[in-house]
């Protein structure tokens, strides 16, 4: 059982470089009771790619979640400032 929800959606845009990327993460249980960190990324408006990490304990998943959050922040990813049209 997950103690609290972990969800993140951030974007990185630079019109001069034709860059429009998104990165999303969430920690969720699977049907077998394992804790999973789901990562999705790609160009905004596309389906992108997905990776799933399986963990036995929630603390391990949270540690990776926070580490990836710091990495994405350093690379310029920020929460979306406006709602999509």
C-alpha atoms as a PDB file:
ATOM      1  CA  UNK A   1       0.000   0.000   0.000  1.00  0.00           C
ATOM      2  CA  UNK A   2       1.320   3.420  -0.939  1.00  0.00           C
ATOM      3  CA  UNK A   3       1.253   5.929   1.918  1.00  0.00           C
ATOM      4  CA  UNK A   4       0.649   8.993  -0.285  1.00  0.00           C
ATOM      5  CA  UNK A   5       0.314   9.689  -4.017  1.00  0.00           C
ATOM      6  CA  UNK A   6       3.428  10.607  -5.962  1.00  0.00           C
ATOM      7  CA  UNK A   7       2.740  12.210  -9.345  1.00  0.00           C
ATOM      8  CA  UNK A   8       4.752  14.647 -11.412  1.00  0.00           C
ATOM      9  CA  UNK A   9       4.303  16.295 -14.818  1.00  0.00           C
ATOM     10  CA  UNK A  10       6.885  18.816 -16.073  1.00  0.00           C
ATOM     11  CA  UNK A  11       7.687  20.401 -19.417  1.00  0.00           C
ATOM     12  CA  UNK A  12      10.704  21.920 -21.122  1.00  0.00           C
ATOM     13  CA  UNK A  13      10.203  24.274 -24.083  1.00  0.00           C
ATOM     14  CA  UNK A  14      12.577  26.350 -26.171  1.00  0.00           C
ATOM     15  CA  UNK A  15      11.018  27.688 -29.403  1.00  0.00           C
ATOM     16  CA  UNK A  16      14.402  28.828 -30.755  1.00  0.00           C
ATOM     17  CA  UNK A  17      15.601  25.191 -30.691  1.00  0.00           C
ATOM     18  CA  UNK A  18      12.202  23.713 -31.682  1.00  0.00           C
ATOM     19  CA  UNK A  19      12.133  21.906 -28.323  1.00  0.00           C
ATOM     20  CA  UNK A  20       8.892  20.953 -26.607  1.00  0.00           C
ATOM     21  CA  UNK A  21       9.307  18.010 -24.224  1.00  0.00           C
ATOM     22  CA  UNK A  22       7.385  16.541 -21.331  1.00  0.00           C
ATOM     23  CA  UNK A  23       8.303  14.188 -18.506  1.00  0.00           C
ATOM     24  CA  UNK A  24       5.814  12.439 -16.228  1.00  0.00           C
ATOM     25  CA  UNK A  25       6.309  10.096 -13.255  1.00  0.00           C
ATOM     26  CA  UNK A  26       4.065   8.331 -10.782  1.00  0.00           C
ATOM     27  CA  UNK A  27       4.433   5.692  -8.090  1.00  0.00           C
ATOM     28  CA  UNK A  28       1.684   3.067  -8.153  1.00  0.00           C
ATOM     29  CA  UNK A  29       1.103  -0.502  -6.963  1.00  0.00           C
ATOM     30  CA  UNK A  30       0.718  -3.289  -9.520  1.00  0.00           C
ATOM     31  CA  UNK A  31      -1.612  -6.279  -9.314  1.00  0.00           C
ATOM     32  CA  UNK A  32       1.014  -8.405  -7.568  1.00  0.00           C
ATOM     33  CA  UNK A  33       1.599  -5.993  -4.687  1.00  0.00           C
ATOM     34  CA  UNK A  34       4.897  -4.586  -5.966  1.00  0.00           C
ATOM     35  CA  UNK A  35       5.534  -0.863  -6.015  1.00  0.00           C
ATOM     36  CA  UNK A  36       6.188   0.538  -9.494  1.00  0.00           C
ATOM     37  CA  UNK A  37       7.672   3.820 -10.652  1.00  0.00           C
ATOM     38  CA  UNK A  38       6.198   4.662 -14.067  1.00  0.00           C
ATOM     39  CA  UNK A  39       8.152   7.131 -16.203  1.00  0.00           C
ATOM     40  CA  UNK A  40       6.820   8.653 -19.428  1.00  0.00           C
ATOM     41  CA  UNK A  41       8.590  11.155 -21.657  1.00  0.00           C
ATOM     42  CA  UNK A  42       8.637  12.546 -25.169  1.00  0.00           C
ATOM     43  CA  UNK A  43       7.700  15.455 -27.376  1.00  0.00           C
ATOM     44  CA  UNK A  44       4.601  17.355 -26.249  1.00  0.00           C
ATOM     45  CA  UNK A  45       1.615  16.144 -28.237  1.00  0.00           C
ATOM     46  CA  UNK A  46       3.043  12.661 -28.899  1.00  0.00           C
ATOM     47  CA  UNK A  47       2.673   9.358 -27.117  1.00  0.00           C
ATOM     48  CA  UNK A  48       6.366   9.230 -26.230  1.00  0.00           C
ATOM     49  CA  UNK A  49       8.128   6.419 -24.411  1.00  0.00           C
ATOM     50  CA  UNK A  50       7.500   4.637 -21.131  1.00  0.00           C
ATOM     51  CA  UNK A  51       9.631   2.770 -18.585  1.00  0.00           C
ATOM     52  CA  UNK A  52       8.510   0.884 -15.468  1.00  0.00           C
ATOM     53  CA  UNK A  53      10.756   0.201 -12.455  1.00  0.00           C
ATOM     54  CA  UNK A  54       9.645  -2.462  -9.929  1.00  0.00           C
ATOM     55  CA  UNK A  55      10.486  -2.204  -6.227  1.00  0.00           C
ATOM     56  CA  UNK A  56       9.791  -4.301  -3.140  1.00  0.00           C
ATOM     57  CA  UNK A  57       9.602  -1.265  -0.844  1.00  0.00           C
ATOM     58  CA  UNK A  58       8.063   2.153  -1.327  1.00  0.00           C
ATOM     59  CA  UNK A  59      11.129   3.941   0.092  1.00  0.00           C
ATOM     60  CA  UNK A  60      13.292   2.737  -2.811  1.00  0.00           C
ATOM     61  CA  UNK A  61      10.784   4.017  -5.358  1.00  0.00           C
ATOM     62  CA  UNK A  62      10.487   7.375  -3.583  1.00  0.00           C
ATOM     63  CA  UNK A  63      14.290   7.712  -3.505  1.00  0.00           C
ATOM     64  CA  UNK A  64      14.509   7.215  -7.296  1.00  0.00           C
ATOM     65  CA  UNK A  65      11.496   9.520  -7.835  1.00  0.00           C
ATOM     66  CA  UNK A  66      13.165  12.366  -5.912  1.00  0.00           C
ATOM     67  CA  UNK A  67      16.524  11.785  -7.600  1.00  0.00           C
ATOM     68  CA  UNK A  68      14.924  11.984 -11.055  1.00  0.00           C
ATOM     69  CA  UNK A  69      12.990  15.085  -9.982  1.00  0.00           C
ATOM     70  CA  UNK A  70      16.266  16.830  -9.069  1.00  0.00           C
ATOM     71  CA  UNK A  71      17.870  15.792 -12.374  1.00  0.00           C
ATOM     72  CA  UNK A  72      14.958  17.097 -14.445  1.00  0.00           C
ATOM     73  CA  UNK A  73      14.929  20.381 -12.516  1.00  0.00           C
ATOM     74  CA  UNK A  74      18.618  20.901 -13.290  1.00  0.00           C
ATOM     75  CA  UNK A  75      17.938  20.294 -16.997  1.00  0.00           C
ATOM     76  CA  UNK A  76      15.283  23.017 -17.129  1.00  0.00           C
ATOM     77  CA  UNK A  77      12.019  21.078 -16.775  1.00  0.00           C
ATOM     78  CA  UNK A  78       9.322  23.119 -15.027  1.00  0.00           C
ATOM     79  CA  UNK A  79       5.648  22.564 -14.101  1.00  0.00           C
ATOM     80  CA  UNK A  80       3.254  23.638 -16.817  1.00  0.00           C
ATOM     81  CA  UNK A  81       2.320  27.314 -16.370  1.00  0.00           C
ATOM     82  CA  UNK A  82      -1.011  27.239 -18.236  1.00  0.00           C
ATOM     83  CA  UNK A  83      -3.705  24.736 -19.046  1.00  0.00           C
ATOM     84  CA  UNK A  84      -3.729  23.191 -22.549  1.00  0.00           C
ATOM     85  CA  UNK A  85      -6.269  24.523 -25.020  1.00  0.00           C
END
